[in-house]
Amino acid sequence: EDNPNVDGEMEHTFIGGGYIDDILSINDP
């Protein structure tokens, strides 16, 4: 779910399991 204050969210597909490894940044100082 998009958070307008954060950049870097991505969709992923895993088989059995995997790591969500997004680099997330707050875009408003």
mmCIF file of all heavy atoms, coordinates in Angstrom:
data_MODEL
# 
_entry.id   MODEL 
# 
loop_
_atom_site.group_PDB 
_atom_site.id 
_atom_site.type_symbol 
_atom_site.label_atom_id 
_atom_site.label_alt_id 
_atom_site.label_comp_id 
_atom_site.label_asym_id 
_atom_site.label_entity_id 
_atom_site.label_seq_id 
_atom_site.pdbx_PDB_ins_code 
_atom_site.Cartn_x 
_atom_site.Cartn_y 
_atom_site.Cartn_z 
_atom_site.occupancy 
_atom_site.B_iso_or_equiv 
_atom_site.pdbx_formal_charge 
_atom_site.auth_seq_id 
_atom_site.auth_comp_id 
_atom_site.auth_asym_id 
_atom_site.auth_atom_id 
_atom_site.pdbx_PDB_model_num 
ATOM 1   N N   . GLU A 1 1  ? 0.866  -1.187  0.000  1.00 0.00 ? 1  GLU A N   1 
ATOM 2   C CA  . GLU A 1 1  ? 0.000  0.000   0.000  1.00 0.00 ? 1  GLU A CA  1 
ATOM 3   C C   . GLU A 1 1  ? 0.898  1.230   0.000  1.00 0.00 ? 1  GLU A C   1 
ATOM 4   O O   . GLU A 1 1  ? 1.727  1.394   0.897  1.00 0.00 ? 1  GLU A O   1 
ATOM 5   C CB  . GLU A 1 1  ? -0.897 0.001   1.232  1.00 0.00 ? 1  GLU A CB  1 
ATOM 6   C CG  . GLU A 1 1  ? -1.839 1.189   1.320  1.00 0.00 ? 1  GLU A CG  1 
ATOM 7   C CD  . GLU A 1 1  ? -2.725 1.128   2.557  1.00 0.00 ? 1  GLU A CD  1 
ATOM 8   O OE1 . GLU A 1 1  ? -2.892 0.028   3.116  1.00 0.00 ? 1  GLU A OE1 1 
ATOM 9   O OE2 . GLU A 1 1  ? -3.235 2.189   2.950  1.00 0.00 ? 1  GLU A OE2 1 
ATOM 10  N N   . ASP A 1 2  ? 0.749  2.077   -0.990 1.00 0.00 ? 2  ASP A N   1 
ATOM 11  C CA  . ASP A 1 2  ? 1.650  3.208   -1.158 1.00 0.00 ? 2  ASP A CA  1 
ATOM 12  C C   . ASP A 1 2  ? 1.541  4.183   0.015  1.00 0.00 ? 2  ASP A C   1 
ATOM 13  O O   . ASP A 1 2  ? 0.450  4.601   0.396  1.00 0.00 ? 2  ASP A O   1 
ATOM 14  C CB  . ASP A 1 2  ? 1.350  3.942   -2.460 1.00 0.00 ? 2  ASP A CB  1 
ATOM 15  C CG  . ASP A 1 2  ? 2.293  5.110   -2.680 1.00 0.00 ? 2  ASP A CG  1 
ATOM 16  O OD1 . ASP A 1 2  ? 3.518  4.869   -2.702 1.00 0.00 ? 2  ASP A OD1 1 
ATOM 17  O OD2 . ASP A 1 2  ? 1.813  6.258   -2.803 1.00 0.00 ? 2  ASP A OD2 1 
ATOM 18  N N   . ASN A 1 3  ? 2.682  4.505   0.604  1.00 0.00 ? 3  ASN A N   1 
ATOM 19  C CA  . ASN A 1 3  ? 2.767  5.579   1.591  1.00 0.00 ? 3  ASN A CA  1 
ATOM 20  C C   . ASN A 1 3  ? 3.413  6.769   0.886  1.00 0.00 ? 3  ASN A C   1 
ATOM 21  O O   . ASN A 1 3  ? 4.582  6.695   0.495  1.00 0.00 ? 3  ASN A O   1 
ATOM 22  C CB  . ASN A 1 3  ? 3.613  5.141   2.789  1.00 0.00 ? 3  ASN A CB  1 
ATOM 23  C CG  . ASN A 1 3  ? 3.679  6.205   3.875  1.00 0.00 ? 3  ASN A CG  1 
ATOM 24  O OD1 . ASN A 1 3  ? 3.569  7.405   3.612  1.00 0.00 ? 3  ASN A OD1 1 
ATOM 25  N ND2 . ASN A 1 3  ? 3.865  5.776   5.120  1.00 0.00 ? 3  ASN A ND2 1 
ATOM 26  N N   . PRO A 1 4  ? 2.691  7.876   0.692  1.00 0.00 ? 4  PRO A N   1 
ATOM 27  C CA  . PRO A 1 4  ? 3.234  8.991   -0.085 1.00 0.00 ? 4  PRO A CA  1 
ATOM 28  C C   . PRO A 1 4  ? 4.459  9.643   0.548  1.00 0.00 ? 4  PRO A C   1 
ATOM 29  O O   . PRO A 1 4  ? 5.187  10.368  -0.134 1.00 0.00 ? 4  PRO A O   1 
ATOM 30  C CB  . PRO A 1 4  ? 2.061  9.975   -0.169 1.00 0.00 ? 4  PRO A CB  1 
ATOM 31  C CG  . PRO A 1 4  ? 1.189  9.633   0.993  1.00 0.00 ? 4  PRO A CG  1 
ATOM 32  C CD  . PRO A 1 4  ? 1.329  8.157   1.182  1.00 0.00 ? 4  PRO A CD  1 
ATOM 33  N N   . ASN A 1 5  ? 4.707  9.374   1.821  1.00 0.00 ? 5  ASN A N   1 
ATOM 34  C CA  . ASN A 1 5  ? 5.859  9.966   2.496  1.00 0.00 ? 5  ASN A CA  1 
ATOM 35  C C   . ASN A 1 5  ? 7.109  9.095   2.410  1.00 0.00 ? 5  ASN A C   1 
ATOM 36  O O   . ASN A 1 5  ? 8.157  9.473   2.944  1.00 0.00 ? 5  ASN A O   1 
ATOM 37  C CB  . ASN A 1 5  ? 5.524  10.236  3.971  1.00 0.00 ? 5  ASN A CB  1 
ATOM 38  C CG  . ASN A 1 5  ? 4.388  11.224  4.132  1.00 0.00 ? 5  ASN A CG  1 
ATOM 39  O OD1 . ASN A 1 5  ? 4.269  12.171  3.362  1.00 0.00 ? 5  ASN A OD1 1 
ATOM 40  N ND2 . ASN A 1 5  ? 3.553  10.996  5.133  1.00 0.00 ? 5  ASN A ND2 1 
ATOM 41  N N   . VAL A 1 6  ? 6.973  7.930   1.781  1.00 0.00 ? 6  VAL A N   1 
ATOM 42  C CA  . VAL A 1 6  ? 8.094  6.986   1.730  1.00 0.00 ? 6  VAL A CA  1 
ATOM 43  C C   . VAL A 1 6  ? 8.350  6.587   0.278  1.00 0.00 ? 6  VAL A C   1 
ATOM 44  O O   . VAL A 1 6  ? 7.413  6.312   -0.485 1.00 0.00 ? 6  VAL A O   1 
ATOM 45  C CB  . VAL A 1 6  ? 7.805  5.727   2.582  1.00 0.00 ? 6  VAL A CB  1 
ATOM 46  C CG1 . VAL A 1 6  ? 8.941  4.713   2.455  1.00 0.00 ? 6  VAL A CG1 1 
ATOM 47  C CG2 . VAL A 1 6  ? 7.605  6.111   4.039  1.00 0.00 ? 6  VAL A CG2 1 
ATOM 48  N N   . ASP A 1 7  ? 9.604  6.527   -0.105 1.00 0.00 ? 7  ASP A N   1 
ATOM 49  C CA  . ASP A 1 7  ? 10.018 6.035   -1.421 1.00 0.00 ? 7  ASP A CA  1 
ATOM 50  C C   . ASP A 1 7  ? 10.734 4.696   -1.260 1.00 0.00 ? 7  ASP A C   1 
ATOM 51  O O   . ASP A 1 7  ? 11.377 4.454   -0.234 1.00 0.00 ? 7  ASP A O   1 
ATOM 52  C CB  . ASP A 1 7  ? 10.957 7.029   -2.110 1.00 0.00 ? 7  ASP A CB  1 
ATOM 53  C CG  . ASP A 1 7  ? 10.280 8.357   -2.414 1.00 0.00 ? 7  ASP A CG  1 
ATOM 54  O OD1 . ASP A 1 7  ? 9.046  8.357   -2.622 1.00 0.00 ? 7  ASP A OD1 1 
ATOM 55  O OD2 . ASP A 1 7  ? 10.980 9.391   -2.425 1.00 0.00 ? 7  ASP A OD2 1 
ATOM 56  N N   . GLY A 1 8  ? 10.608 3.862   -2.275 1.00 0.00 ? 8  GLY A N   1 
ATOM 57  C CA  . GLY A 1 8  ? 11.396 2.630   -2.307 1.00 0.00 ? 8  GLY A CA  1 
ATOM 58  C C   . GLY A 1 8  ? 10.612 1.350   -2.189 1.00 0.00 ? 8  GLY A C   1 
ATOM 59  O O   . GLY A 1 8  ? 11.194 0.254   -2.305 1.00 0.00 ? 8  GLY A O   1 
ATOM 60  N N   . GLU A 1 9  ? 9.275  1.416   -1.965 1.00 0.00 ? 9  GLU A N   1 
ATOM 61  C CA  . GLU A 1 9  ? 8.506  0.180   -1.872 1.00 0.00 ? 9  GLU A CA  1 
ATOM 62  C C   . GLU A 1 9  ? 8.484  -0.520  -3.228 1.00 0.00 ? 9  GLU A C   1 
ATOM 63  O O   . GLU A 1 9  ? 8.366  0.110   -4.268 1.00 0.00 ? 9  GLU A O   1 
ATOM 64  C CB  . GLU A 1 9  ? 7.069  0.449   -1.436 1.00 0.00 ? 9  GLU A CB  1 
ATOM 65  C CG  . GLU A 1 9  ? 6.929  1.307   -0.187 1.00 0.00 ? 9  GLU A CG  1 
ATOM 66  C CD  . GLU A 1 9  ? 6.540  2.728   -0.535 1.00 0.00 ? 9  GLU A CD  1 
ATOM 67  O OE1 . GLU A 1 9  ? 7.162  3.279   -1.467 1.00 0.00 ? 9  GLU A OE1 1 
ATOM 68  O OE2 . GLU A 1 9  ? 5.629  3.266   0.100  1.00 0.00 ? 9  GLU A OE2 1 
ATOM 69  N N   . MET A 1 10 ? 8.559  -1.858  -3.196 1.00 0.00 ? 10 MET A N   1 
ATOM 70  C CA  . MET A 1 10 ? 8.545  -2.637  -4.431 1.00 0.00 ? 10 MET A CA  1 
ATOM 71  C C   . MET A 1 10 ? 7.709  -3.898  -4.244 1.00 0.00 ? 10 MET A C   1 
ATOM 72  O O   . MET A 1 10 ? 7.494  -4.356  -3.116 1.00 0.00 ? 10 MET A O   1 
ATOM 73  C CB  . MET A 1 10 ? 9.977  -3.024  -4.843 1.00 0.00 ? 10 MET A CB  1 
ATOM 74  C CG  . MET A 1 10 ? 10.896 -1.850  -5.131 1.00 0.00 ? 10 MET A CG  1 
ATOM 75  S SD  . MET A 1 10 ? 12.572 -2.373  -5.623 1.00 0.00 ? 10 MET A SD  1 
ATOM 76  C CE  . MET A 1 10 ? 12.205 -3.175  -7.189 1.00 0.00 ? 10 MET A CE  1 
ATOM 77  N N   . GLU A 1 11 ? 7.219  -4.439  -5.360 1.00 0.00 ? 11 GLU A N   1 
ATOM 78  C CA  . GLU A 1 11 ? 6.537  -5.726  -5.339 1.00 0.00 ? 11 GLU A CA  1 
ATOM 79  C C   . GLU A 1 11 ? 7.564  -6.849  -5.479 1.00 0.00 ? 11 GLU A C   1 
ATOM 80  O O   . GLU A 1 11 ? 8.633  -6.653  -6.065 1.00 0.00 ? 11 GLU A O   1 
ATOM 81  C CB  . GLU A 1 11 ? 5.511  -5.794  -6.471 1.00 0.00 ? 11 GLU A CB  1 
ATOM 82  C CG  . GLU A 1 11 ? 4.378  -4.795  -6.307 1.00 0.00 ? 11 GLU A CG  1 
ATOM 83  C CD  . GLU A 1 11 ? 3.330  -4.908  -7.403 1.00 0.00 ? 11 GLU A CD  1 
ATOM 84  O OE1 . GLU A 1 11 ? 3.590  -5.649  -8.383 1.00 0.00 ? 11 GLU A OE1 1 
ATOM 85  O OE2 . GLU A 1 11 ? 2.273  -4.267  -7.280 1.00 0.00 ? 11 GLU A OE2 1 
ATOM 86  N N   . HIS A 1 12 ? 7.214  -8.024  -4.928 1.00 0.00 ? 12 HIS A N   1 
ATOM 87  C CA  . HIS A 1 12 ? 8.139  -9.153  -4.961 1.00 0.00 ? 12 HIS A CA  1 
ATOM 88  C C   . HIS A 1 12 ? 7.369  -10.440 -5.221 1.00 0.00 ? 12 HIS A C   1 
ATOM 89  O O   . HIS A 1 12 ? 6.171  -10.536 -4.914 1.00 0.00 ? 12 HIS A O   1 
ATOM 90  C CB  . HIS A 1 12 ? 8.884  -9.293  -3.622 1.00 0.00 ? 12 HIS A CB  1 
ATOM 91  C CG  . HIS A 1 12 ? 9.675  -8.085  -3.225 1.00 0.00 ? 12 HIS A CG  1 
ATOM 92  N ND1 . HIS A 1 12 ? 11.004 -7.942  -3.520 1.00 0.00 ? 12 HIS A ND1 1 
ATOM 93  C CD2 . HIS A 1 12 ? 9.306  -6.957  -2.559 1.00 0.00 ? 12 HIS A CD2 1 
ATOM 94  C CE1 . HIS A 1 12 ? 11.440 -6.790  -3.039 1.00 0.00 ? 12 HIS A CE1 1 
ATOM 95  N NE2 . HIS A 1 12 ? 10.424 -6.170  -2.458 1.00 0.00 ? 12 HIS A NE2 1 
ATOM 96  N N   . THR A 1 13 ? 8.048  -11.417 -5.742 1.00 0.00 ? 13 THR A N   1 
ATOM 97  C CA  . THR A 1 13 ? 7.513  -12.770 -5.879 1.00 0.00 ? 13 THR A CA  1 
ATOM 98  C C   . THR A 1 13 ? 8.567  -13.751 -5.388 1.00 0.00 ? 13 THR A C   1 
ATOM 99  O O   . THR A 1 13 ? 9.728  -13.697 -5.822 1.00 0.00 ? 13 THR A O   1 
ATOM 100 C CB  . THR A 1 13 ? 7.148  -13.088 -7.341 1.00 0.00 ? 13 THR A CB  1 
ATOM 101 O OG1 . THR A 1 13 ? 6.147  -12.164 -7.784 1.00 0.00 ? 13 THR A OG1 1 
ATOM 102 C CG2 . THR A 1 13 ? 6.597  -14.497 -7.461 1.00 0.00 ? 13 THR A CG2 1 
ATOM 103 N N   . PHE A 1 14 ? 8.179  -14.630 -4.456 1.00 0.00 ? 14 PHE A N   1 
ATOM 104 C CA  . PHE A 1 14 ? 9.099  -15.621 -3.904 1.00 0.00 ? 14 PHE A CA  1 
ATOM 105 C C   . PHE A 1 14 ? 8.528  -17.020 -4.126 1.00 0.00 ? 14 PHE A C   1 
ATOM 106 O O   . PHE A 1 14 ? 7.314  -17.194 -4.249 1.00 0.00 ? 14 PHE A O   1 
ATOM 107 C CB  . PHE A 1 14 ? 9.300  -15.405 -2.394 1.00 0.00 ? 14 PHE A CB  1 
ATOM 108 C CG  . PHE A 1 14 ? 9.736  -14.014 -2.018 1.00 0.00 ? 14 PHE A CG  1 
ATOM 109 C CD1 . PHE A 1 14 ? 9.019  -13.276 -1.071 1.00 0.00 ? 14 PHE A CD1 1 
ATOM 110 C CD2 . PHE A 1 14 ? 10.850 -13.436 -2.595 1.00 0.00 ? 14 PHE A CD2 1 
ATOM 111 C CE1 . PHE A 1 14 ? 9.421  -12.010 -0.717 1.00 0.00 ? 14 PHE A CE1 1 
ATOM 112 C CE2 . PHE A 1 14 ? 11.253 -12.161 -2.251 1.00 0.00 ? 14 PHE A CE2 1 
ATOM 113 C CZ  . PHE A 1 14 ? 10.529 -11.440 -1.305 1.00 0.00 ? 14 PHE A CZ  1 
ATOM 114 N N   . ILE A 1 15 ? 9.372  -17.995 -4.130 1.00 0.00 ? 15 ILE A N   1 
ATOM 115 C CA  . ILE A 1 15 ? 8.958  -19.396 -4.147 1.00 0.00 ? 15 ILE A CA  1 
ATOM 116 C C   . ILE A 1 15 ? 9.309  -19.995 -2.793 1.00 0.00 ? 15 ILE A C   1 
ATOM 117 O O   . ILE A 1 15 ? 10.476 -20.219 -2.481 1.00 0.00 ? 15 ILE A O   1 
ATOM 118 C CB  . ILE A 1 15 ? 9.650  -20.184 -5.281 1.00 0.00 ? 15 ILE A CB  1 
ATOM 119 C CG1 . ILE A 1 15 ? 9.341  -19.545 -6.631 1.00 0.00 ? 15 ILE A CG1 1 
ATOM 120 C CG2 . ILE A 1 15 ? 9.188  -21.641 -5.261 1.00 0.00 ? 15 ILE A CG2 1 
ATOM 121 C CD1 . ILE A 1 15 ? 7.862  -19.510 -6.988 1.00 0.00 ? 15 ILE A CD1 1 
ATOM 122 N N   . GLY A 1 16 ? 8.295  -20.207 -1.980 1.00 0.00 ? 16 GLY A N   1 
ATOM 123 C CA  . GLY A 1 16 ? 8.500  -20.772 -0.645 1.00 0.00 ? 16 GLY A CA  1 
ATOM 124 C C   . GLY A 1 16 ? 8.887  -19.745 0.389  1.00 0.00 ? 16 GLY A C   1 
ATOM 125 O O   . GLY A 1 16 ? 8.448  -19.800 1.531  1.00 0.00 ? 16 GLY A O   1 
ATOM 126 N N   . GLY A 1 17 ? 9.741  -18.804 0.034  1.00 0.00 ? 17 GLY A N   1 
ATOM 127 C CA  . GLY A 1 17 ? 10.176 -17.771 0.970  1.00 0.00 ? 17 GLY A CA  1 
ATOM 128 C C   . GLY A 1 17 ? 11.216 -16.871 0.330  1.00 0.00 ? 17 GLY A C   1 
ATOM 129 O O   . GLY A 1 17 ? 11.819 -17.212 -0.694 1.00 0.00 ? 17 GLY A O   1 
ATOM 130 N N   . GLY A 1 18 ? 11.431 -15.729 0.931  1.00 0.00 ? 18 GLY A N   1 
ATOM 131 C CA  . GLY A 1 18 ? 12.417 -14.787 0.421  1.00 0.00 ? 18 GLY A CA  1 
ATOM 132 C C   . GLY A 1 18 ? 12.430 -13.524 1.252  1.00 0.00 ? 18 GLY A C   1 
ATOM 133 O O   . GLY A 1 18 ? 11.624 -13.344 2.177  1.00 0.00 ? 18 GLY A O   1 
ATOM 134 N N   . TYR A 1 19 ? 13.384 -12.653 0.947  1.00 0.00 ? 19 TYR A N   1 
ATOM 135 C CA  . TYR A 1 19 ? 13.575 -11.435 1.721  1.00 0.00 ? 19 TYR A CA  1 
ATOM 136 C C   . TYR A 1 19 ? 13.006 -10.229 0.984  1.00 0.00 ? 19 TYR A C   1 
ATOM 137 O O   . TYR A 1 19 ? 13.303 -10.008 -0.196 1.00 0.00 ? 19 TYR A O   1 
ATOM 138 C CB  . TYR A 1 19 ? 15.062 -11.189 1.986  1.00 0.00 ? 19 TYR A CB  1 
ATOM 139 C CG  . TYR A 1 19 ? 15.660 -12.120 3.015  1.00 0.00 ? 19 TYR A CG  1 
ATOM 140 C CD1 . TYR A 1 19 ? 16.259 -13.316 2.631  1.00 0.00 ? 19 TYR A CD1 1 
ATOM 141 C CD2 . TYR A 1 19 ? 15.611 -11.804 4.369  1.00 0.00 ? 19 TYR A CD2 1 
ATOM 142 C CE1 . TYR A 1 19 ? 16.817 -14.175 3.571  1.00 0.00 ? 19 TYR A CE1 1 
ATOM 143 C CE2 . TYR A 1 19 ? 16.160 -12.660 5.320  1.00 0.00 ? 19 TYR A CE2 1 
ATOM 144 C CZ  . TYR A 1 19 ? 16.750 -13.838 4.917  1.00 0.00 ? 19 TYR A CZ  1 
ATOM 145 O OH  . TYR A 1 19 ? 17.287 -14.682 5.851  1.00 0.00 ? 19 TYR A OH  1 
ATOM 146 N N   . ILE A 1 20 ? 12.199 -9.453  1.701  1.00 0.00 ? 20 ILE A N   1 
ATOM 147 C CA  . ILE A 1 20 ? 11.844 -8.119  1.228  1.00 0.00 ? 20 ILE A CA  1 
ATOM 148 C C   . ILE A 1 20 ? 13.029 -7.230  1.591  1.00 0.00 ? 20 ILE A C   1 
ATOM 149 O O   . ILE A 1 20 ? 13.309 -7.009  2.770  1.00 0.00 ? 20 ILE A O   1 
ATOM 150 C CB  . ILE A 1 20 ? 10.553 -7.612  1.881  1.00 0.00 ? 20 ILE A CB  1 
ATOM 151 C CG1 . ILE A 1 20 ? 9.378  -8.537  1.565  1.00 0.00 ? 20 ILE A CG1 1 
ATOM 152 C CG2 . ILE A 1 20 ? 10.244 -6.186  1.449  1.00 0.00 ? 20 ILE A CG2 1 
ATOM 153 C CD1 . ILE A 1 20 ? 8.076  -8.160  2.245  1.00 0.00 ? 20 ILE A CD1 1 
ATOM 154 N N   . ASP A 1 21 ? 13.750 -6.744  0.580  1.00 0.00 ? 21 ASP A N   1 
ATOM 155 C CA  . ASP A 1 21 ? 14.998 -6.021  0.822  1.00 0.00 ? 21 ASP A CA  1 
ATOM 156 C C   . ASP A 1 21 ? 14.940 -4.592  0.282  1.00 0.00 ? 21 ASP A C   1 
ATOM 157 O O   . ASP A 1 21 ? 15.954 -4.034  -0.145 1.00 0.00 ? 21 ASP A O   1 
ATOM 158 C CB  . ASP A 1 21 ? 16.180 -6.773  0.194  1.00 0.00 ? 21 ASP A CB  1 
ATOM 159 C CG  . ASP A 1 21 ? 15.963 -7.031  -1.294 1.00 0.00 ? 21 ASP A CG  1 
ATOM 160 O OD1 . ASP A 1 21 ? 14.908 -6.642  -1.831 1.00 0.00 ? 21 ASP A OD1 1 
ATOM 161 O OD2 . ASP A 1 21 ? 16.867 -7.632  -1.919 1.00 0.00 ? 21 ASP A OD2 1 
ATOM 162 N N   . ASP A 1 22 ? 13.765 -3.999  0.296  1.00 0.00 ? 22 ASP A N   1 
ATOM 163 C CA  . ASP A 1 22 ? 13.602 -2.639  -0.220 1.00 0.00 ? 22 ASP A CA  1 
ATOM 164 C C   . ASP A 1 22 ? 14.407 -1.637  0.601  1.00 0.00 ? 22 ASP A C   1 
ATOM 165 O O   . ASP A 1 22 ? 14.515 -1.753  1.836  1.00 0.00 ? 22 ASP A O   1 
ATOM 166 C CB  . ASP A 1 22 ? 12.133 -2.218  -0.192 1.00 0.00 ? 22 ASP A CB  1 
ATOM 167 C CG  . ASP A 1 22 ? 11.259 -3.104  -1.071 1.00 0.00 ? 22 ASP A CG  1 
ATOM 168 O OD1 . ASP A 1 22 ? 11.830 -3.874  -1.864 1.00 0.00 ? 22 ASP A OD1 1 
ATOM 169 O OD2 . ASP A 1 22 ? 10.029 -3.034  -0.944 1.00 0.00 ? 22 ASP A OD2 1 
ATOM 170 N N   . ILE A 1 23 ? 14.961 -0.651  -0.077 1.00 0.00 ? 23 ILE A N   1 
ATOM 171 C CA  . ILE A 1 23 ? 15.608 0.482   0.580  1.00 0.00 ? 23 ILE A CA  1 
ATOM 172 C C   . ILE A 1 23 ? 14.552 1.588   0.692  1.00 0.00 ? 23 ILE A C   1 
ATOM 173 O O   . ILE A 1 23 ? 14.091 2.108   -0.321 1.00 0.00 ? 23 ILE A O   1 
ATOM 174 C CB  . ILE A 1 23 ? 16.837 0.964   -0.205 1.00 0.00 ? 23 ILE A CB  1 
ATOM 175 C CG1 . ILE A 1 23 ? 17.892 -0.145  -0.253 1.00 0.00 ? 23 ILE A CG1 1 
ATOM 176 C CG2 . ILE A 1 23 ? 17.424 2.220   0.429  1.00 0.00 ? 23 ILE A CG2 1 
ATOM 177 C CD1 . ILE A 1 23 ? 19.093 0.188   -1.130 1.00 0.00 ? 23 ILE A CD1 1 
ATOM 178 N N   . LEU A 1 24 ? 14.161 1.913   1.908  1.00 0.00 ? 24 LEU A N   1 
ATOM 179 C CA  . LEU A 1 24 ? 13.052 2.823   2.149  1.00 0.00 ? 24 LEU A CA  1 
ATOM 180 C C   . LEU A 1 24 ? 13.561 4.160   2.678  1.00 0.00 ? 24 LEU A C   1 
ATOM 181 O O   . LEU A 1 24 ? 14.398 4.193   3.593  1.00 0.00 ? 24 LEU A O   1 
ATOM 182 C CB  . LEU A 1 24 ? 12.061 2.207   3.139  1.00 0.00 ? 24 LEU A CB  1 
ATOM 183 C CG  . LEU A 1 24 ? 11.492 0.827   2.741  1.00 0.00 ? 24 LEU A CG  1 
ATOM 184 C CD1 . LEU A 1 24 ? 10.567 0.312   3.833  1.00 0.00 ? 24 LEU A CD1 1 
ATOM 185 C CD2 . LEU A 1 24 ? 10.763 0.915   1.411  1.00 0.00 ? 24 LEU A CD2 1 
ATOM 186 N N   . SER A 1 25 ? 13.020 5.231   2.119  1.00 0.00 ? 25 SER A N   1 
ATOM 187 C CA  . SER A 1 25 ? 13.476 6.577   2.488  1.00 0.00 ? 25 SER A CA  1 
ATOM 188 C C   . SER A 1 25 ? 12.272 7.479   2.721  1.00 0.00 ? 25 SER A C   1 
ATOM 189 O O   . SER A 1 25 ? 11.336 7.507   1.909  1.00 0.00 ? 25 SER A O   1 
ATOM 190 C CB  . SER A 1 25 ? 14.339 7.179   1.373  1.00 0.00 ? 25 SER A CB  1 
ATOM 191 O OG  . SER A 1 25 ? 15.438 6.340   1.072  1.00 0.00 ? 25 SER A OG  1 
ATOM 192 N N   . ILE A 1 26 ? 12.310 8.202   3.821  1.00 0.00 ? 26 ILE A N   1 
ATOM 193 C CA  . ILE A 1 26 ? 11.304 9.240   4.060  1.00 0.00 ? 26 ILE A CA  1 
ATOM 194 C C   . ILE A 1 26 ? 11.661 10.433  3.175  1.00 0.00 ? 26 ILE A C   1 
ATOM 195 O O   . ILE A 1 26 ? 12.784 10.937  3.227  1.00 0.00 ? 26 ILE A O   1 
ATOM 196 C CB  . ILE A 1 26 ? 11.266 9.637   5.545  1.00 0.00 ? 26 ILE A CB  1 
ATOM 197 C CG1 . ILE A 1 26 ? 10.860 8.430   6.402  1.00 0.00 ? 26 ILE A CG1 1 
ATOM 198 C CG2 . ILE A 1 26 ? 10.306 10.796  5.781  1.00 0.00 ? 26 ILE A CG2 1 
ATOM 199 C CD1 . ILE A 1 26 ? 10.892 8.678   7.893  1.00 0.00 ? 26 ILE A CD1 1 
ATOM 200 N N   . ASN A 1 27 ? 10.705 10.864  2.348  1.00 0.00 ? 27 ASN A N   1 
ATOM 201 C CA  . ASN A 1 27 ? 11.017 11.853  1.325  1.00 0.00 ? 27 ASN A CA  1 
ATOM 202 C C   . ASN A 1 27 ? 10.743 13.302  1.727  1.00 0.00 ? 27 ASN A C   1 
ATOM 203 O O   . ASN A 1 27 ? 10.929 14.209  0.920  1.00 0.00 ? 27 ASN A O   1 
ATOM 204 C CB  . ASN A 1 27 ? 10.269 11.538  0.023  1.00 0.00 ? 27 ASN A CB  1 
ATOM 205 C CG  . ASN A 1 27 ? 8.763  11.382  0.252  1.00 0.00 ? 27 ASN A CG  1 
ATOM 206 O OD1 . ASN A 1 27 ? 8.174  12.038  1.105  1.00 0.00 ? 27 ASN A OD1 1 
ATOM 207 N ND2 . ASN A 1 27 ? 8.145  10.505  -0.526 1.00 0.00 ? 27 ASN A ND2 1 
ATOM 208 N N   . ASP A 1 28 ? 10.297 13.515  2.956  1.00 0.00 ? 28 ASP A N   1 
ATOM 209 C CA  . ASP A 1 28 ? 10.045 14.881  3.426  1.00 0.00 ? 28 ASP A CA  1 
ATOM 210 C C   . ASP A 1 28 ? 10.931 15.143  4.640  1.00 0.00 ? 28 ASP A C   1 
ATOM 211 O O   . ASP A 1 28 ? 10.740 14.527  5.689  1.00 0.00 ? 28 ASP A O   1 
ATOM 212 C CB  . ASP A 1 28 ? 8.570  15.051  3.790  1.00 0.00 ? 28 ASP A CB  1 
ATOM 213 C CG  . ASP A 1 28 ? 8.210  16.480  4.179  1.00 0.00 ? 28 ASP A CG  1 
ATOM 214 O OD1 . ASP A 1 28 ? 9.126  17.281  4.435  1.00 0.00 ? 28 ASP A OD1 1 
ATOM 215 O OD2 . ASP A 1 28 ? 7.006  16.785  4.231  1.00 0.00 ? 28 ASP A OD2 1 
ATOM 216 N N   . PRO A 1 29 ? 11.893 16.057  4.540  1.00 0.00 ? 29 PRO A N   1 
ATOM 217 C CA  . PRO A 1 29 ? 12.825 16.282  5.659  1.00 0.00 ? 29 PRO A CA  1 
ATOM 218 C C   . PRO A 1 29 ? 12.163 16.862  6.901  1.00 0.00 ? 29 PRO A C   1 
ATOM 219 O O   . PRO A 1 29 ? 12.759 16.834  7.980  1.00 0.00 ? 29 PRO A O   1 
ATOM 220 C CB  . PRO A 1 29 ? 13.854 17.259  5.067  1.00 0.00 ? 29 PRO A CB  1 
ATOM 221 C CG  . PRO A 1 29 ? 13.144 17.929  3.946  1.00 0.00 ? 29 PRO A CG  1 
ATOM 222 C CD  . PRO A 1 29 ? 12.212 16.920  3.380  1.00 0.00 ? 29 PRO A CD  1 
# 
